[in-house]
Amino acid sequence: MNRLTLPVLLFVAAVTGICLGATAPLTALRLLESGASAAQIGIISALPAVGMMLAAALCARLSRHFHRRPLFQACLALCLASVALLEPVRGWLYGLAALRLGMGLGMGLVIILSEAWINELSSDQRRGQSIAVYTTAYTGSQMLGPLLISLLGTDGPHVIIAVSVALALAWLALLGLDRSDATVTDEDSPRSFSLLGFVRLAPTLCLGVLFFSFFDSVILALFPVYATANGFGPAEAALMVSVILLGDMCLQLPLGWLADRVPRAALHLACGVCVLVIGASLAWLISGSALLWPTLFLLGAAAGGTYTLAIVLIGERFRGQDLVTANAGAGLLFGLGSVLGPVVSGGLMQASSAGLPLALSVAAGVFVCTAVGGVLKPRLRRALHT
């Protein structure tokens, strides 16, 4: 294995995070400034998630017909075109829609294949730490996207140029990989299940991914609205979101280290229980508790852990084309959760002032119930056989 493979994949993940973190708010803010309706902004904002679901449907087939390096480079080229053309078509809704869909497709394939590739490179003894480094690189870089906008503004092409340069550098970095390193392990082996089969085969892992994407989209889109409705100013509400994302970024490495030393399924369940308890307490915490800020940090860490550990457990359980299919299934669920999160939570928030905590609690509760079954089933089987 080329020693550059893992650093290159981490760099590509970081660029992916910056790209998504910068272009999503940039597009929304420009649409708002141009007088687009809330419905139009919502539809355009949801299209990257739709593109990721499309990527999940195509990923297994593409990985069987193309080596990974040219496939990665084609996806990054698609993303580069989708970013570079944002300036010329900024006032054309259909053009923006096509670009955002293309961005989701390209980035979705990069994310799915990166996670599968890093899982293949990792030994089981260090799998938790390897995936945690990847998710930290992605999340930390995603936080840089809004920072770029605050520094460079939305009017000119400066943000677009910066993101385009980063994508071009990622494309060039892939040239450092040998062709042998860009080949799927056991790529000619048949897959033993479909995308829907993955849901039946590993429901806990599926719900871990689905819950995190639900959580992530709700926090980014609706938590500032919830905090503002509870008496906080816009700046404080935005800071709360940053604290949640900071917890997600900072504590994935310790969780990854722990995942290599304790039963991973039990740790996965513990993360879900933590989110459930905090979600159920959120209405009380936001009413003036001194514990609010540290609890938000912990909330981000535990929610991020449900995703990190799901990817770790996928790598522990699957190999070859099955690993690619499982990661594609995770990508499909991530896109689905990103669409469902704002829709479900927005409806509950309209019906009740505690709608957002209720949405998080119910979603976390469904995951916890499934994870409990995943932890107890092997123990029951061992007990019955003894």
Foldseek 3Di string as FASTA:
>chain_A
DDPCVLVLLLLVLLLLLLLVLAPLVLLLVLCVVVPHDPVLNLLLSLLLLVLLLVLLQCQLVVLLVDFQLVLLLVLLVLLLVLLVCCVVCSPPSVSSSVSSSSNSNSSSNSVLVSLLLQLVVDDLLQLLLSLLSSQLSNLVSNVCNVVCCVVPPNPDCVSSVVSSVSSVVSSVSSVPDDSVSRHFDPSVDDADDALVRLCVVCVLLLLLLLLLLLVLLCLVPPQLVLLVVLPDDSVVSVVLSVLLSQLLNPCSNVVSNVVSPDPLLVLLLVLLVLQLVCLVCVVVCSNDNPCNRVSSSSNSNSSSSSNSSSSSVLSVPDGHSNSSSSSSSSSSSSSVSSSVNCVQLVVQVVVDSSSNSVVSNVSSVVSNVVSVCVVVVVVVVVVVVD
